[in-house]
Amino acid sequence: MFTDNGDGTATIAGTPASGTAGSYPVTITAANGVVPDANQSFTLSVNQAPALTSAASHVVHDEHRRFVHSDLQCAPPTPR
């Protein structure tokens, strides 16, 4: 999403889809009727998210209570 902040700046924001890690060339062009247009190029780097590597939660029931036990483990992303 590209948002004009109204003060001469803008924000690019979003959430990348799974499996889209990598480098992407981007060029933004601004035109106001005065030649030439202004161009700004940069490389957008999308990093791979870490992955949860733990097993599912353990649920134990008794006649009055429900207990949930979770051990979360996280692995760093695999380098591309």
C-alpha atoms as a PDB file:
ATOM      1  CA  MET A   1       0.000   0.000   0.000  1.00  0.00           C
ATOM      2  CA  PHE A   2       1.318   3.435  -0.931  1.00  0.00           C
ATOM      3  CA  THR A   3       0.016   6.248   1.290  1.00  0.00           C
ATOM      4  CA  ASP A   4       0.585   9.966   0.721  1.00  0.00           C
ATOM      5  CA  ASN A   5       1.289  11.434   4.164  1.00  0.00           C
ATOM      6  CA  GLY A   6       0.292  14.905   2.951  1.00  0.00           C
ATOM      7  CA  ASP A   7       3.564  16.498   4.009  1.00  0.00           C
ATOM      8  CA  GLY A   8       5.790  15.719   1.043  1.00  0.00           C
ATOM      9  CA  THR A   9       6.467  12.167   2.251  1.00  0.00           C
ATOM     10  CA  ALA A  10       4.777   8.829   1.665  1.00  0.00           C
ATOM     11  CA  THR A  11       4.655   5.416   3.290  1.00  0.00           C
ATOM     12  CA  ILE A  12       4.921   2.029   1.615  1.00  0.00           C
ATOM     13  CA  ALA A  13       3.504  -0.728   3.822  1.00  0.00           C
ATOM     14  CA  GLY A  14       2.253  -4.278   3.512  1.00  0.00           C
ATOM     15  CA  THR A  15       2.603  -7.871   4.580  1.00  0.00           C
ATOM     16  CA  PRO A  16       4.449 -10.170   2.191  1.00  0.00           C
ATOM     17  CA  ALA A  17       2.946 -13.537   1.351  1.00  0.00           C
ATOM     18  CA  SER A  18       4.655 -16.675   2.578  1.00  0.00           C
ATOM     19  CA  GLY A  19       7.536 -17.758   0.359  1.00  0.00           C
ATOM     20  CA  THR A  20       8.135 -14.335  -1.200  1.00  0.00           C
ATOM     21  CA  ALA A  21      11.474 -13.576   0.478  1.00  0.00           C
ATOM     22  CA  GLY A  22      14.006 -11.947  -1.809  1.00  0.00           C
ATOM     23  CA  SER A  23      15.098  -8.645  -3.307  1.00  0.00           C
ATOM     24  CA  TYR A  24      12.816  -6.598  -5.521  1.00  0.00           C
ATOM     25  CA  PRO A  25      13.815  -3.536  -7.570  1.00  0.00           C
ATOM     26  CA  VAL A  26      11.308  -0.672  -7.178  1.00  0.00           C
ATOM     27  CA  THR A  27      11.084   2.661  -9.012  1.00  0.00           C
ATOM     28  CA  ILE A  28       8.683   5.402  -7.950  1.00  0.00           C
ATOM     29  CA  THR A  29       7.917   8.179 -10.433  1.00  0.00           C
ATOM     30  CA  ALA A  30       6.415  11.533  -9.432  1.00  0.00           C
ATOM     31  CA  ALA A  31       4.901  13.812 -12.040  1.00  0.00           C
ATOM     32  CA  ASN A  32       3.556  17.327 -11.488  1.00  0.00           C
ATOM     33  CA  GLY A  33       3.416  18.625 -15.055  1.00  0.00           C
ATOM     34  CA  VAL A  34       6.992  19.930 -15.017  1.00  0.00           C
ATOM     35  CA  VAL A  35       9.393  17.986 -17.207  1.00  0.00           C
ATOM     36  CA  PRO A  36      11.263  15.831 -16.373  1.00  0.00           C
ATOM     37  CA  ASP A  37       9.399  13.563 -13.973  1.00  0.00           C
ATOM     38  CA  ALA A  38      11.230  12.706 -10.730  1.00  0.00           C
ATOM     39  CA  ASN A  39      12.318   9.077 -10.286  1.00  0.00           C
ATOM     40  CA  GLN A  40      13.552   7.309  -7.167  1.00  0.00           C
ATOM     41  CA  SER A  41      14.806   3.734  -7.373  1.00  0.00           C
ATOM     42  CA  PHE A  42      15.607   1.385  -4.514  1.00  0.00           C
ATOM     43  CA  THR A  43      15.735  -2.307  -3.677  1.00  0.00           C
ATOM     44  CA  LEU A  44      13.039  -3.696  -1.390  1.00  0.00           C
ATOM     45  CA  SER A  45      14.384  -6.613   0.674  1.00  0.00           C
ATOM     46  CA  VAL A  46      11.851  -9.101   2.044  1.00  0.00           C
ATOM     47  CA  ASN A  47      13.230 -11.408   4.737  1.00  0.00           C
ATOM     48  CA  GLN A  48      11.973 -14.921   5.404  1.00  0.00           C
ATOM     49  CA  ALA A  49       9.951 -15.109   8.623  1.00  0.00           C
ATOM     50  CA  PRO A  50      11.085 -17.444  11.409  1.00  0.00           C
ATOM     51  CA  ALA A  51       9.209 -20.727  11.725  1.00  0.00           C
ATOM     52  CA  LEU A  52       7.595 -22.356  14.733  1.00  0.00           C
ATOM     53  CA  THR A  53       9.138 -25.780  15.198  1.00  0.00           C
ATOM     54  CA  SER A  54       7.362 -27.006  18.331  1.00  0.00           C
ATOM     55  CA  ALA A  55       4.761 -29.717  18.650  1.00  0.00           C
ATOM     56  CA  ALA A  56       1.093 -29.029  19.262  1.00  0.00           C
ATOM     57  CA  SER A  57      -0.212 -28.070  22.705  1.00  0.00           C
ATOM     58  CA  HIS A  58      -1.009 -30.732  25.254  1.00  0.00           C
ATOM     59  CA  VAL A  59      -4.493 -30.493  26.796  1.00  0.00           C
ATOM     60  CA  VAL A  60      -5.319 -32.287  30.013  1.00  0.00           C
ATOM     61  CA  HIS A  61      -8.877 -32.413  31.399  1.00  0.00           C
ATOM     62  CA  ASP A  62     -10.106 -33.343  34.804  1.00  0.00           C
ATOM     63  CA  GLU A  63     -13.650 -33.108  36.075  1.00  0.00           C
ATOM     64  CA  HIS A  64     -13.322 -29.431  37.087  1.00  0.00           C
ATOM     65  CA  ARG A  65     -10.564 -27.829  35.038  1.00  0.00           C
ATOM     66  CA  ARG A  66      -8.908 -27.792  31.674  1.00  0.00           C
ATOM     67  CA  PHE A  67      -5.136 -27.375  31.532  1.00  0.00           C
ATOM     68  CA  VAL A  68      -3.272 -26.347  28.396  1.00  0.00           C
ATOM     69  CA  HIS A  69       0.493 -26.704  28.164  1.00  0.00           C
ATOM     70  CA  SER A  70       2.493 -25.289  25.264  1.00  0.00           C
ATOM     71  CA  ASP A  71       6.234 -25.274  24.653  1.00  0.00           C
ATOM     72  CA  LEU A  72       6.944 -22.946  21.746  1.00  0.00           C
ATOM     73  CA  GLN A  73      10.221 -23.187  19.928  1.00  0.00           C
ATOM     74  CA  CYS A  74      11.245 -20.937  17.087  1.00  0.00           C
ATOM     75  CA  ALA A  75      13.864 -21.540  14.426  1.00  0.00           C
ATOM     76  CA  PRO A  76      15.613 -18.781  12.497  1.00  0.00           C
ATOM     77  CA  PRO A  77      14.731 -18.541   8.818  1.00  0.00           C
ATOM     78  CA  THR A  78      16.590 -20.701   6.357  1.00  0.00           C
ATOM     79  CA  PRO A  79      19.035 -18.553   4.352  1.00  0.00           C
ATOM     80  CA  ARG A  80      18.172 -18.212   0.677  1.00  0.00           C
END
